[in-house]
Amino acid sequence: MPEAAGSSSVAPGALCFKASQAGFPRTGSPLFRPGLIVACALVLATVFPGLAGWPDPALAAKAKPAAASAPAVACFGETEAASVADAALRQELIQVSREFAATVTAKTLARFGKQYGKRRLDLLAAPDSTYRDTVRADALDRLKAAGADLSRSQYFVYTDRNPATQLLILAFYDAPAQRVVLLGGDFISSGKLRPREDSFITPVGVFEHLPENWGYRAEGSKNSKGWRGLGARGSRVWDFGYQQAPRQFRQGVYDSQMRLLMHATDPDQGEPRLGDPDSKGCVRVSAAANAFLDRRSILDRHYEQIAAADKERDMWLLRRDRSPVSLPGSYLVIGDSAQGSASR
C-alpha cells in the first residue's frame, strides 16, 4: 500500500543518516527503529535540475521544439504580495513566490503535459480571484477559531481537500494587516475511503508542527508492489500527531484516531496521481514541494528556535544546507472549498 493508513509507521520508510552528513537525521523518531544508511543530497534537484529529470533549459531547447515546453506559470503570488506594507518583507515574498513557481508548480505543469485542461492545471497555475478569496477567508477563519498565535507574521501551508481541487497553497499571514497572502500552488492527494481497506478522510482544521511530534525522513525502500510510500530516500515527513477523522474498515465508516502526516509519495507511481484523493488519510505532496518546504524551513518555526537557542544540540532533522525564510511558521491548515469558508 502507498502508506499505512492513519499511521506514521515506516516499515519500510523511516530514514536514519549519519550525524556527520549535513542536513539529515542521525536517528529516526522514537516511534521508529534507527539505522544507518548512505545520505543523498536533496538539494541536487534544485542546483542540478537535470539530475532529477528536470532538463536544463539550454539543453531542452536543443533536444525538443519550443512547442513541447511546459505551460507558462503565472506567478499570482507577486500580485498577492504587493499588498504587504513592509518593503523588505514584500520583496522576500515575491522572491519566494517566484522560486516556488519555478521549482514546484512548473514541474507539475510539465509532468501532466497534454492533460493540462483535464487536470485543472489552469487553477494550479493561476487560480482566479474568487477561489483565492475563498482560501484566504477559510484559512484566516480556521486559524482564529483554533486559537493560533497570530501575534506575529509567519508562513504556513494551506491544503484544500476538495476532491475537485486537491491543492496545496503556500501562504503567509501578514500580522499588521491581519491578512493572508497566497504565494503559490501545487497538487496534493488527500485521504480516500476504500471499502474493505483501512483508510481515512483527511481531517479539516489547524494542525501545528511541534517538536513533541518529531518528524523523520523517508528511507525510500519499496514495498511488495514496488511503491515508496513516503517518497524517495531523504524526503521529509512532517508529523502532526494523532487526530480524529472518519475511518473506513471492516466495521464500516466511523470516527477514529489516525496519525496525520504530510509527506512525499512514490515519484514514479504516486506523483502522476496527485490532484485526486488517493492517500490513506495523510497529505501527499510532490517531491518538489517536499524539498521546497524542507529547504526553506516553512513549517520549522519551533525547530529553528531550538537550533538558535542551543547551538550544541544536534538538530539532525533540519537540513544544514537549508535557507530558511525570515519568518518560518508551524501551521498546516486543511480546508475544503466544496464546503465553503469555515465561517459559513
C-alpha atoms as a PDB file:
ATOM      1  CA  MET A   1       0.000   0.000   0.000  1.00  0.00           C
ATOM      2  CA  PRO A   2       1.154   3.592  -0.507  1.00  0.00           C
ATOM      3  CA  GLU A   3       1.381   4.276   3.212  1.00  0.00           C
ATOM      4  CA  ALA A   4      -0.020   2.778   6.374  1.00  0.00           C
ATOM      5  CA  ALA A   5      -3.460   4.210   6.947  1.00  0.00           C
ATOM      6  CA  GLY A   6      -3.569   6.823   9.648  1.00  0.00           C
ATOM      7  CA  SER A   7      -0.159   5.842  10.893  1.00  0.00           C
ATOM      8  CA  SER A   8       3.401   7.044  10.801  1.00  0.00           C
ATOM      9  CA  SER A   9       4.723   3.511  10.659  1.00  0.00           C
ATOM     10  CA  VAL A  10       7.713   3.400   8.359  1.00  0.00           C
ATOM     11  CA  ALA A  11       8.349  -0.244   7.787  1.00  0.00           C
ATOM     12  CA  PRO A  12       9.847   0.282   5.290  1.00  0.00           C
ATOM     13  CA  GLY A  13      10.104   4.076   5.224  1.00  0.00           C
ATOM     14  CA  ALA A  14      11.904   5.922   8.028  1.00  0.00           C
ATOM     15  CA  LEU A  15      15.366   7.179   7.263  1.00  0.00           C
ATOM     16  CA  CYS A  16      18.338   7.490   9.606  1.00  0.00           C
ATOM     17  CA  PHE A  17      21.543   9.149   8.430  1.00  0.00           C
ATOM     18  CA  LYS A  18      24.966   9.511   9.961  1.00  0.00           C
ATOM     19  CA  ALA A  19      25.266  12.641  12.086  1.00  0.00           C
ATOM     20  CA  SER A  20      28.253  13.844  10.111  1.00  0.00           C
ATOM     21  CA  GLN A  21      26.268  14.013   6.898  1.00  0.00           C
ATOM     22  CA  ALA A  22      24.924  17.531   6.541  1.00  0.00           C
ATOM     23  CA  GLY A  23      21.258  18.207   6.871  1.00  0.00           C
ATOM     24  CA  PHE A  24      19.959  14.718   7.562  1.00  0.00           C
ATOM     25  CA  PRO A  25      18.884  12.847  10.698  1.00  0.00           C
ATOM     26  CA  ARG A  26      21.170  10.609  12.676  1.00  0.00           C
ATOM     27  CA  THR A  27      18.311   8.699  14.256  1.00  0.00           C
ATOM     28  CA  GLY A  28      14.633   8.357  13.466  1.00  0.00           C
ATOM     29  CA  SER A  29      11.659   9.451  15.539  1.00  0.00           C
ATOM     30  CA  PRO A  30      11.185   7.489  18.819  1.00  0.00           C
ATOM     31  CA  LEU A  31       8.377   5.669  17.021  1.00  0.00           C
ATOM     32  CA  PHE A  32      10.788   4.109  14.585  1.00  0.00           C
ATOM     33  CA  ARG A  33      13.728   1.765  14.511  1.00  0.00           C
ATOM     34  CA  PRO A  34      17.051   3.597  13.979  1.00  0.00           C
ATOM     35  CA  GLY A  35      19.601   2.590  11.349  1.00  0.00           C
ATOM     36  CA  LEU A  36      22.458   3.973   9.283  1.00  0.00           C
ATOM     37  CA  ILE A  37      22.368   4.400   5.508  1.00  0.00           C
ATOM     38  CA  VAL A  38      24.171   6.410   2.892  1.00  0.00           C
ATOM     39  CA  ALA A  39      22.915  10.029   2.590  1.00  0.00           C
ATOM     40  CA  CYS A  40      21.683  11.607  -0.591  1.00  0.00           C
ATOM     41  CA  ALA A  41      21.569  15.301  -1.387  1.00  0.00           C
ATOM     42  CA  LEU A  42      18.047  16.630  -1.863  1.00  0.00           C
ATOM     43  CA  VAL A  43      19.430  19.952  -2.970  1.00  0.00           C
ATOM     44  CA  LEU A  44      20.624  18.374  -6.235  1.00  0.00           C
ATOM     45  CA  ALA A  45      17.091  18.667  -7.583  1.00  0.00           C
ATOM     46  CA  THR A  46      17.375  22.425  -7.315  1.00  0.00           C
ATOM     47  CA  VAL A  47      21.041  23.058  -8.057  1.00  0.00           C
ATOM     48  CA  PHE A  48      21.373  20.432 -10.786  1.00  0.00           C
ATOM     49  CA  PRO A  49      17.826  20.029 -12.148  1.00  0.00           C
ATOM     50  CA  GLY A  50      18.887  17.680 -14.891  1.00  0.00           C
ATOM     51  CA  LEU A  51      19.770  15.021 -12.326  1.00  0.00           C
ATOM     52  CA  ALA A  52      16.193  14.921 -11.118  1.00  0.00           C
ATOM     53  CA  GLY A  53      14.676  14.530 -14.537  1.00  0.00           C
ATOM     54  CA  TRP A  54      14.102  18.261 -14.979  1.00  0.00           C
ATOM     55  CA  PRO A  55      16.083  19.242 -18.079  1.00  0.00           C
ATOM     56  CA  ASP A  56      18.414  22.181 -18.210  1.00  0.00           C
ATOM     57  CA  PRO A  57      16.632  24.906 -20.243  1.00  0.00           C
ATOM     58  CA  ALA A  58      19.524  25.273 -22.703  1.00  0.00           C
ATOM     59  CA  LEU A  59      19.742  21.525 -23.329  1.00  0.00           C
ATOM     60  CA  ALA A  60      15.975  21.169 -23.510  1.00  0.00           C
ATOM     61  CA  ALA A  61      15.773  23.825 -26.230  1.00  0.00           C
ATOM     62  CA  LYS A  62      18.149  21.779 -28.371  1.00  0.00           C
ATOM     63  CA  ALA A  63      16.534  18.432 -27.602  1.00  0.00           C
ATOM     64  CA  LYS A  64      12.927  19.338 -28.412  1.00  0.00           C
ATOM     65  CA  PRO A  65      10.940  22.053 -30.201  1.00  0.00           C
ATOM     66  CA  ALA A  66       9.616  25.040 -28.271  1.00  0.00           C
ATOM     67  CA  ALA A  67       6.061  23.771 -28.659  1.00  0.00           C
ATOM     68  CA  ALA A  68       6.835  20.929 -26.242  1.00  0.00           C
ATOM     69  CA  SER A  69       7.750  23.260 -23.393  1.00  0.00           C
ATOM     70  CA  ALA A  70       5.688  23.430 -20.196  1.00  0.00           C
ATOM     71  CA  PRO A  71       2.860  25.941 -19.875  1.00  0.00           C
ATOM     72  CA  ALA A  72       3.987  29.300 -18.510  1.00  0.00           C
ATOM     73  CA  VAL A  73       3.398  29.774 -14.797  1.00  0.00           C
ATOM     74  CA  ALA A  74       1.564  32.932 -13.818  1.00  0.00           C
ATOM     75  CA  CYS A  75       3.166  33.951 -10.541  1.00  0.00           C
ATOM     76  CA  PHE A  76      -0.019  35.102  -8.789  1.00  0.00           C
ATOM     77  CA  GLY A  77       1.921  35.409  -5.537  1.00  0.00           C
ATOM     78  CA  GLU A  78       3.530  38.606  -6.815  1.00  0.00           C
ATOM     79  CA  THR A  79       0.115  40.238  -7.074  1.00  0.00           C
ATOM     80  CA  GLU A  80      -0.826  38.994  -3.618  1.00  0.00           C
ATOM     81  CA  ALA A  81       2.456  40.163  -2.066  1.00  0.00           C
ATOM     82  CA  ALA A  82       2.004  43.693  -3.414  1.00  0.00           C
ATOM     83  CA  SER A  83      -0.371  44.419  -0.521  1.00  0.00           C
ATOM     84  CA  VAL A  84       2.318  43.895   2.132  1.00  0.00           C
ATOM     85  CA  ALA A  85       3.445  47.244   3.538  1.00  0.00           C
ATOM     86  CA  ASP A  86       6.963  46.311   4.683  1.00  0.00           C
ATOM     87  CA  ALA A  87       9.221  46.732   1.646  1.00  0.00           C
ATOM     88  CA  ALA A  88      11.845  44.159   2.642  1.00  0.00           C
ATOM     89  CA  LEU A  89       9.234  41.554   3.502  1.00  0.00           C
ATOM     90  CA  ARG A  90       7.309  42.301   0.313  1.00  0.00           C
ATOM     91  CA  GLN A  91      10.435  41.672  -1.734  1.00  0.00           C
ATOM     92  CA  GLU A  92      11.080  38.378   0.076  1.00  0.00           C
ATOM     93  CA  LEU A  93       7.532  37.198  -0.539  1.00  0.00           C
ATOM     94  CA  ILE A  94       7.868  37.997  -4.239  1.00  0.00           C
ATOM     95  CA  GLN A  95      11.161  36.114  -4.389  1.00  0.00           C
ATOM     96  CA  VAL A  96       9.742  33.094  -2.539  1.00  0.00           C
ATOM     97  CA  SER A  97       6.684  33.099  -4.781  1.00  0.00           C
ATOM     98  CA  ARG A  98       8.823  33.132  -7.922  1.00  0.00           C
ATOM     99  CA  GLU A  99      11.026  30.360  -6.566  1.00  0.00           C
ATOM    100  CA  PHE A 100       8.019  28.195  -5.733  1.00  0.00           C
ATOM    101  CA  ALA A 101       6.512  28.773  -9.176  1.00  0.00           C
ATOM    102  CA  ALA A 102       9.772  27.871 -10.934  1.00  0.00           C
ATOM    103  CA  THR A 103      10.838  24.872  -8.845  1.00  0.00           C
ATOM    104  CA  VAL A 104       7.490  23.367  -7.858  1.00  0.00           C
ATOM    105  CA  THR A 105       4.487  24.487  -9.921  1.00  0.00           C
ATOM    106  CA  ALA A 106       6.357  24.447 -13.245  1.00  0.00           C
ATOM    107  CA  LYS A 107       7.452  20.848 -12.645  1.00  0.00           C
ATOM    108  CA  THR A 108       3.868  19.781 -12.035  1.00  0.00           C
ATOM    109  CA  LEU A 109       2.671  21.578 -15.167  1.00  0.00           C
ATOM    110  CA  ALA A 110       5.350  19.843 -17.219  1.00  0.00           C
ATOM    111  CA  ARG A 111       4.632  16.448 -15.657  1.00  0.00           C
ATOM    112  CA  PHE A 112       0.971  16.468 -16.704  1.00  0.00           C
ATOM    113  CA  GLY A 113       1.734  17.844 -20.168  1.00  0.00           C
ATOM    114  CA  LYS A 114      -1.190  17.312 -22.547  1.00  0.00           C
ATOM    115  CA  GLN A 115      -3.553  16.721 -19.630  1.00  0.00           C
ATOM    116  CA  TYR A 116      -3.423  20.471 -18.903  1.00  0.00           C
ATOM    117  CA  GLY A 117      -7.172  21.142 -19.060  1.00  0.00           C
ATOM    118  CA  LYS A 118      -8.202  17.739 -17.801  1.00  0.00           C
ATOM    119  CA  ARG A 119      -6.060  18.040 -14.680  1.00  0.00           C
ATOM    120  CA  ARG A 120      -7.286  21.544 -13.790  1.00  0.00           C
ATOM    121  CA  LEU A 121      -3.824  22.972 -14.288  1.00  0.00           C
ATOM    122  CA  ASP A 122      -5.355  26.346 -15.054  1.00  0.00           C
ATOM    123  CA  LEU A 123      -6.451  26.516 -11.400  1.00  0.00           C
ATOM    124  CA  LEU A 124      -2.996  25.409 -10.312  1.00  0.00           C
ATOM    125  CA  ALA A 125      -1.095  27.962 -12.390  1.00  0.00           C
ATOM    126  CA  ALA A 126      -3.387  30.959 -11.932  1.00  0.00           C
ATOM    127  CA  PRO A 127      -6.313  30.477  -9.527  1.00  0.00           C
ATOM    128  CA  ASP A 128      -8.952  33.149 -10.045  1.00  0.00           C
ATOM    129  CA  SER A 129      -9.705  35.849  -7.501  1.00  0.00           C
ATOM    130  CA  THR A 130     -12.914  34.149  -6.316  1.00  0.00           C
ATOM    131  CA  TYR A 131     -11.078  30.975  -5.366  1.00  0.00           C
ATOM    132  CA  ARG A 132      -8.238  32.919  -3.733  1.00  0.00           C
ATOM    133  CA  ASP A 133     -10.758  34.933  -1.706  1.00  0.00           C
ATOM    134  CA  THR A 134     -12.326  31.674  -0.506  1.00  0.00           C
ATOM    135  CA  VAL A 135      -8.965  30.230   0.534  1.00  0.00           C
ATOM    136  CA  ARG A 136      -7.856  33.406   2.324  1.00  0.00           C
ATOM    137  CA  ALA A 137     -11.118  33.660   4.252  1.00  0.00           C
ATOM    138  CA  ASP A 138     -11.154  29.978   5.176  1.00  0.00           C
ATOM    139  CA  ALA A 139      -7.520  29.970   6.298  1.00  0.00           C
ATOM    140  CA  LEU A 140      -7.958  33.048   8.487  1.00  0.00           C
ATOM    141  CA  ASP A 141     -11.236  31.805   9.989  1.00  0.00           C
ATOM    142  CA  ARG A 142      -9.706  28.445  10.856  1.00  0.00           C
ATOM    143  CA  LEU A 143      -6.551  29.957  12.357  1.00  0.00           C
ATOM    144  CA  LYS A 144      -8.602  32.267  14.567  1.00  0.00           C
ATOM    145  CA  ALA A 145     -11.033  29.533  15.607  1.00  0.00           C
ATOM    146  CA  ALA A 146      -8.149  27.246  16.556  1.00  0.00           C
ATOM    147  CA  GLY A 147      -6.568  29.906  18.757  1.00  0.00           C
ATOM    148  CA  ALA A 148      -3.418  30.011  16.632  1.00  0.00           C
ATOM    149  CA  ASP A 149      -0.742  32.534  17.568  1.00  0.00           C
ATOM    150  CA  LEU A 150      -1.472  35.376  15.161  1.00  0.00           C
ATOM    151  CA  SER A 151       0.564  37.977  17.031  1.00  0.00           C
ATOM    152  CA  ARG A 152       3.384  37.532  14.544  1.00  0.00           C
ATOM    153  CA  SER A 153       3.668  37.345  10.775  1.00  0.00           C
ATOM    154  CA  GLN A 154       4.523  33.852   9.533  1.00  0.00           C
ATOM    155  CA  TYR A 155       4.459  31.428   6.625  1.00  0.00           C
ATOM    156  CA  PHE A 156       2.062  28.495   6.698  1.00  0.00           C
ATOM    157  CA  VAL A 157       0.655  25.802   4.409  1.00  0.00           C
ATOM    158  CA  TYR A 158      -2.990  25.572   3.364  1.00  0.00           C
ATOM    159  CA  THR A 159      -4.344  22.419   1.724  1.00  0.00           C
ATOM    160  CA  ASP A 160      -7.729  22.131   0.039  1.00  0.00           C
ATOM    161  CA  ARG A 161      -9.071  18.579   0.324  1.00  0.00           C
ATOM    162  CA  ASN A 162     -11.985  19.302  -2.038  1.00  0.00           C
ATOM    163  CA  PRO A 163     -11.912  16.272  -4.418  1.00  0.00           C
ATOM    164  CA  ALA A 164     -12.346  18.624  -7.384  1.00  0.00           C
ATOM    165  CA  THR A 165      -9.402  20.796  -6.330  1.00  0.00           C
ATOM    166  CA  GLN A 166      -6.759  18.945  -4.236  1.00  0.00           C
ATOM    167  CA  LEU A 167      -4.345  21.845  -3.874  1.00  0.00           C
ATOM    168  CA  LEU A 168      -1.509  22.835  -1.595  1.00  0.00           C
ATOM    169  CA  ILE A 169      -1.177  26.608  -1.223  1.00  0.00           C
ATOM    170  CA  LEU A 170       1.999  28.175   0.118  1.00  0.00           C
ATOM    171  CA  ALA A 171       0.702  31.057   2.247  1.00  0.00           C
ATOM    172  CA  PHE A 172       1.802  33.882   4.543  1.00  0.00           C
ATOM    173  CA  TYR A 173      -0.020  35.591   7.409  1.00  0.00           C
ATOM    174  CA  ASP A 174       0.641  39.332   7.475  1.00  0.00           C
ATOM    175  CA  ALA A 175       0.055  40.208  11.151  1.00  0.00           C
ATOM    176  CA  PRO A 176      -0.022  44.048  10.853  1.00  0.00           C
ATOM    177  CA  ALA A 177      -2.701  43.834   8.153  1.00  0.00           C
ATOM    178  CA  GLN A 178      -4.330  40.699   9.645  1.00  0.00           C
ATOM    179  CA  ARG A 179      -4.410  39.341   6.103  1.00  0.00           C
ATOM    180  CA  VAL A 180      -3.498  36.080   4.390  1.00  0.00           C
ATOM    181  CA  VAL A 181      -1.235  36.268   1.336  1.00  0.00           C
ATOM    182  CA  LEU A 182      -1.180  33.345  -1.134  1.00  0.00           C
ATOM    183  CA  LEU A 183       2.165  32.658  -2.795  1.00  0.00           C
ATOM    184  CA  GLY A 184       1.939  29.512  -4.928  1.00  0.00           C
ATOM    185  CA  GLY A 185       0.156  26.215  -5.534  1.00  0.00           C
ATOM    186  CA  ASP A 186       0.754  22.539  -6.234  1.00  0.00           C
ATOM    187  CA  PHE A 187      -1.325  19.358  -6.330  1.00  0.00           C
ATOM    188  CA  ILE A 188      -1.813  17.074  -3.323  1.00  0.00           C
ATOM    189  CA  SER A 189      -3.635  13.845  -2.647  1.00  0.00           C
ATOM    190  CA  SER A 190      -5.775  13.700   0.476  1.00  0.00           C
ATOM    191  CA  GLY A 191      -7.487  10.690   2.016  1.00  0.00           C
ATOM    192  CA  LYS A 192      -9.893   8.455   0.147  1.00  0.00           C
ATOM    193  CA  LEU A 193     -12.130   5.872   1.813  1.00  0.00           C
ATOM    194  CA  ARG A 194     -11.681   2.417   0.329  1.00  0.00           C
ATOM    195  CA  PRO A 195     -14.187  -0.370   1.032  1.00  0.00           C
ATOM    196  CA  ARG A 196     -12.566  -3.313   2.828  1.00  0.00           C
ATOM    197  CA  GLU A 197      -9.310  -1.347   3.259  1.00  0.00           C
ATOM    198  CA  ASP A 198      -8.171   0.629   6.298  1.00  0.00           C
ATOM    199  CA  SER A 199      -8.422   4.262   5.194  1.00  0.00           C
ATOM    200  CA  PHE A 200      -9.336   7.746   6.441  1.00  0.00           C
ATOM    201  CA  ILE A 201     -10.750  11.013   5.162  1.00  0.00           C
ATOM    202  CA  THR A 202      -8.138  13.703   5.818  1.00  0.00           C
ATOM    203  CA  PRO A 203      -9.492  15.859   8.673  1.00  0.00           C
ATOM    204  CA  VAL A 204     -10.049  19.608   8.300  1.00  0.00           C
ATOM    205  CA  GLY A 205      -8.651  22.015  10.863  1.00  0.00           C
ATOM    206  CA  VAL A 206      -5.411  23.629  12.013  1.00  0.00           C
ATOM    207  CA  PHE A 207      -2.522  21.354  12.917  1.00  0.00           C
ATOM    208  CA  GLU A 208       0.726  22.613  14.410  1.00  0.00           C
ATOM    209  CA  HIS A 209       4.147  21.173  13.659  1.00  0.00           C
ATOM    210  CA  LEU A 210       5.620  20.740  17.140  1.00  0.00           C
ATOM    211  CA  PRO A 211       8.844  19.163  18.452  1.00  0.00           C
ATOM    212  CA  GLU A 212       6.659  16.836  20.540  1.00  0.00           C
ATOM    213  CA  ASN A 213       5.877  15.037  17.272  1.00  0.00           C
ATOM    214  CA  TRP A 214       9.388  14.829  15.877  1.00  0.00           C
ATOM    215  CA  GLY A 215       9.356  14.016  12.197  1.00  0.00           C
ATOM    216  CA  TYR A 216      11.763  11.933  10.155  1.00  0.00           C
ATOM    217  CA  ARG A 217      12.908  11.244   6.609  1.00  0.00           C
ATOM    218  CA  ALA A 218      11.933   8.575   4.126  1.00  0.00           C
ATOM    219  CA  GLU A 219      14.180   5.606   3.595  1.00  0.00           C
ATOM    220  CA  GLY A 220      12.928   5.183   0.047  1.00  0.00           C
ATOM    221  CA  SER A 221      12.687   1.398   0.183  1.00  0.00           C
ATOM    222  CA  LYS A 222       9.914  -0.235  -1.861  1.00  0.00           C
ATOM    223  CA  ASN A 223       7.083  -2.454  -0.667  1.00  0.00           C
ATOM    224  CA  SER A 224       5.950  -5.642  -2.386  1.00  0.00           C
ATOM    225  CA  LYS A 225       4.191  -3.571  -5.048  1.00  0.00           C
ATOM    226  CA  GLY A 226       7.283  -1.511  -5.783  1.00  0.00           C
ATOM    227  CA  TRP A 227       5.814   1.566  -4.064  1.00  0.00           C
ATOM    228  CA  ARG A 228       7.891   4.010  -2.000  1.00  0.00           C
ATOM    229  CA  GLY A 229       5.121   5.117   0.326  1.00  0.00           C
ATOM    230  CA  LEU A 230       6.872   8.177   1.755  1.00  0.00           C
ATOM    231  CA  GLY A 231       8.699   9.199  -1.382  1.00  0.00           C
ATOM    232  CA  ALA A 232      12.300   8.946  -2.490  1.00  0.00           C
ATOM    233  CA  ARG A 233      15.081   8.486   0.037  1.00  0.00           C
ATOM    234  CA  GLY A 234      15.666  11.604   2.133  1.00  0.00           C
ATOM    235  CA  SER A 235      12.181  13.090   1.654  1.00  0.00           C
ATOM    236  CA  ARG A 236      10.898  14.981   4.681  1.00  0.00           C
ATOM    237  CA  VAL A 237       7.958  13.680   6.736  1.00  0.00           C
ATOM    238  CA  TRP A 238       6.089  16.237   8.854  1.00  0.00           C
ATOM    239  CA  ASP A 239       4.242  14.677  11.811  1.00  0.00           C
ATOM    240  CA  PHE A 240       1.171  16.466  13.216  1.00  0.00           C
ATOM    241  CA  GLY A 241       0.306  13.892  15.869  1.00  0.00           C
ATOM    242  CA  TYR A 242      -2.848  11.884  16.461  1.00  0.00           C
ATOM    243  CA  GLN A 243      -6.085  13.332  15.094  1.00  0.00           C
ATOM    244  CA  GLN A 244      -9.718  12.245  14.795  1.00  0.00           C
ATOM    245  CA  ALA A 245     -11.084  11.523  11.327  1.00  0.00           C
ATOM    246  CA  PRO A 246     -13.711   9.396   9.523  1.00  0.00           C
ATOM    247  CA  ARG A 247     -12.328   5.892   9.010  1.00  0.00           C
ATOM    248  CA  GLN A 248     -13.415   3.008   6.836  1.00  0.00           C
ATOM    249  CA  PHE A 249     -12.521  -0.513   7.854  1.00  0.00           C
ATOM    250  CA  ARG A 250     -14.247  -3.844   8.372  1.00  0.00           C
ATOM    251  CA  GLN A 251     -16.887  -2.309  10.649  1.00  0.00           C
ATOM    252  CA  GLY A 252     -17.849   0.292   8.049  1.00  0.00           C
ATOM    253  CA  VAL A 253     -17.296   4.066   8.360  1.00  0.00           C
ATOM    254  CA  TYR A 254     -16.809   5.511  11.844  1.00  0.00           C
ATOM    255  CA  ASP A 255     -14.823   8.219  13.646  1.00  0.00           C
ATOM    256  CA  SER A 256     -11.399   7.043  14.755  1.00  0.00           C
ATOM    257  CA  GLN A 257      -7.861   8.153  15.579  1.00  0.00           C
ATOM    258  CA  MET A 258      -5.187   8.490  12.911  1.00  0.00           C
ATOM    259  CA  ARG A 259      -1.632   9.777  12.727  1.00  0.00           C
ATOM    260  CA  LEU A 260      -1.666  12.824  10.470  1.00  0.00           C
ATOM    261  CA  LEU A 261       1.430  13.224   8.307  1.00  0.00           C
ATOM    262  CA  MET A 262       2.413  15.342   5.336  1.00  0.00           C
ATOM    263  CA  HIS A 263       4.906  13.586   3.082  1.00  0.00           C
ATOM    264  CA  ALA A 264       6.024  12.914  -0.468  1.00  0.00           C
ATOM    265  CA  THR A 265       4.728   9.989  -2.494  1.00  0.00           C
ATOM    266  CA  ASP A 266       6.253   7.460  -4.857  1.00  0.00           C
ATOM    267  CA  PRO A 267       7.853   9.598  -7.602  1.00  0.00           C
ATOM    268  CA  ASP A 268       7.014   7.104 -10.341  1.00  0.00           C
ATOM    269  CA  GLN A 269       3.618   5.714  -9.347  1.00  0.00           C
ATOM    270  CA  GLY A 270       2.243   8.252  -6.888  1.00  0.00           C
ATOM    271  CA  GLU A 271       3.130  11.633  -8.381  1.00  0.00           C
ATOM    272  CA  PRO A 272       1.069  11.122 -11.575  1.00  0.00           C
ATOM    273  CA  ARG A 273      -1.941  10.560  -9.293  1.00  0.00           C
ATOM    274  CA  LEU A 274      -1.573  13.793  -7.354  1.00  0.00           C
ATOM    275  CA  GLY A 275      -4.557  16.061  -7.921  1.00  0.00           C
ATOM    276  CA  ASP A 276      -7.072  13.385  -6.877  1.00  0.00           C
ATOM    277  CA  PRO A 277      -7.906  11.877  -3.451  1.00  0.00           C
ATOM    278  CA  ASP A 278      -5.643   8.854  -3.220  1.00  0.00           C
ATOM    279  CA  SER A 279      -3.960   8.607   0.191  1.00  0.00           C
ATOM    280  CA  LYS A 280      -4.903   6.528   3.223  1.00  0.00           C
ATOM    281  CA  GLY A 281      -5.561   9.746   5.159  1.00  0.00           C
ATOM    282  CA  CYS A 282      -2.317  11.731   5.149  1.00  0.00           C
ATOM    283  CA  VAL A 283      -1.482  14.680   2.895  1.00  0.00           C
ATOM    284  CA  ARG A 284       0.692  13.588  -0.014  1.00  0.00           C
ATOM    285  CA  VAL A 285       2.769  16.233  -1.780  1.00  0.00           C
ATOM    286  CA  SER A 286       5.112  16.232  -4.754  1.00  0.00           C
ATOM    287  CA  ALA A 287       8.840  15.688  -4.355  1.00  0.00           C
ATOM    288  CA  ALA A 288       9.438  19.278  -5.477  1.00  0.00           C
ATOM    289  CA  ALA A 289       7.043  20.739  -2.895  1.00  0.00           C
ATOM    290  CA  ASN A 290       8.529  18.469  -0.228  1.00  0.00           C
ATOM    291  CA  ALA A 291      12.047  19.703  -0.983  1.00  0.00           C
ATOM    292  CA  PHE A 292      10.967  23.353  -1.090  1.00  0.00           C
ATOM    293  CA  LEU A 293       9.140  23.297   2.255  1.00  0.00           C
ATOM    294  CA  ASP A 294      12.062  21.443   3.812  1.00  0.00           C
ATOM    295  CA  ARG A 295      14.868  23.583   2.417  1.00  0.00           C
ATOM    296  CA  ARG A 296      13.103  26.863   3.224  1.00  0.00           C
ATOM    297  CA  SER A 297      12.024  25.730   6.764  1.00  0.00           C
ATOM    298  CA  ILE A 298       8.466  26.873   6.013  1.00  0.00           C
ATOM    299  CA  LEU A 299       6.928  24.934   8.944  1.00  0.00           C
ATOM    300  CA  ASP A 300      10.004  24.736  11.177  1.00  0.00           C
ATOM    301  CA  ARG A 301       9.445  27.771  13.415  1.00  0.00           C
ATOM    302  CA  HIS A 302       9.836  25.832  16.684  1.00  0.00           C
ATOM    303  CA  TYR A 303      12.718  23.748  15.372  1.00  0.00           C
ATOM    304  CA  GLU A 304      14.612  26.830  14.192  1.00  0.00           C
ATOM    305  CA  GLN A 305      14.090  28.453  17.607  1.00  0.00           C
ATOM    306  CA  ILE A 306      15.580  25.417  19.330  1.00  0.00           C
ATOM    307  CA  ALA A 307      18.531  25.393  16.935  1.00  0.00           C
ATOM    308  CA  ALA A 308      19.182  29.105  17.559  1.00  0.00           C
ATOM    309  CA  ALA A 309      18.911  28.831  21.345  1.00  0.00           C
ATOM    310  CA  ASP A 310      21.000  25.687  21.780  1.00  0.00           C
ATOM    311  CA  LYS A 311      23.970  25.608  19.420  1.00  0.00           C
ATOM    312  CA  GLU A 312      25.194  22.346  20.932  1.00  0.00           C
ATOM    313  CA  ARG A 313      22.005  20.418  20.294  1.00  0.00           C
ATOM    314  CA  ASP A 314      22.029  18.005  17.389  1.00  0.00           C
ATOM    315  CA  MET A 315      19.118  19.220  15.263  1.00  0.00           C
ATOM    316  CA  TRP A 316      19.511  16.327  12.864  1.00  0.00           C
ATOM    317  CA  LEU A 317      16.070  16.763  11.309  1.00  0.00           C
ATOM    318  CA  LEU A 318      16.925  20.175   9.838  1.00  0.00           C
ATOM    319  CA  ARG A 319      18.977  20.324   6.671  1.00  0.00           C
ATOM    320  CA  ARG A 320      22.307  22.005   7.215  1.00  0.00           C
ATOM    321  CA  ASP A 321      22.179  23.347   3.673  1.00  0.00           C
ATOM    322  CA  ARG A 322      18.775  24.931   4.288  1.00  0.00           C
ATOM    323  CA  SER A 323      17.945  28.554   3.535  1.00  0.00           C
ATOM    324  CA  PRO A 324      15.161  29.485   5.986  1.00  0.00           C
ATOM    325  CA  VAL A 325      12.652  32.188   5.201  1.00  0.00           C
ATOM    326  CA  SER A 326      12.764  35.160   7.574  1.00  0.00           C
ATOM    327  CA  LEU A 327       9.554  34.211   9.397  1.00  0.00           C
ATOM    328  CA  PRO A 328       9.034  30.424   9.430  1.00  0.00           C
ATOM    329  CA  GLY A 329       5.683  29.196  10.694  1.00  0.00           C
ATOM    330  CA  SER A 330       4.309  25.971  12.129  1.00  0.00           C
ATOM    331  CA  TYR A 331       0.701  25.624  10.957  1.00  0.00           C
ATOM    332  CA  LEU A 332      -0.826  23.241   8.429  1.00  0.00           C
ATOM    333  CA  VAL A 333      -4.366  24.423   7.671  1.00  0.00           C
ATOM    334  CA  ILE A 334      -6.636  21.886   5.985  1.00  0.00           C
ATOM    335  CA  GLY A 335      -9.856  23.170   4.463  1.00  0.00           C
ATOM    336  CA  ASP A 336     -12.440  22.062   1.935  1.00  0.00           C
ATOM    337  CA  SER A 337     -13.569  24.581  -0.682  1.00  0.00           C
ATOM    338  CA  ALA A 338     -16.513  22.339  -1.542  1.00  0.00           C
ATOM    339  CA  GLN A 339     -17.886  23.276   1.885  1.00  0.00           C
ATOM    340  CA  GLY A 340     -17.015  26.971   1.522  1.00  0.00           C
ATOM    341  CA  SER A 341     -15.293  29.054   4.178  1.00  0.00           C
ATOM    342  CA  ALA A 342     -15.248  27.778   7.760  1.00  0.00           C
ATOM    343  CA  SER A 343     -17.188  30.901   8.768  1.00  0.00           C
ATOM    344  CA  ARG A 344     -20.253  29.705   6.862  1.00  0.00           C
END
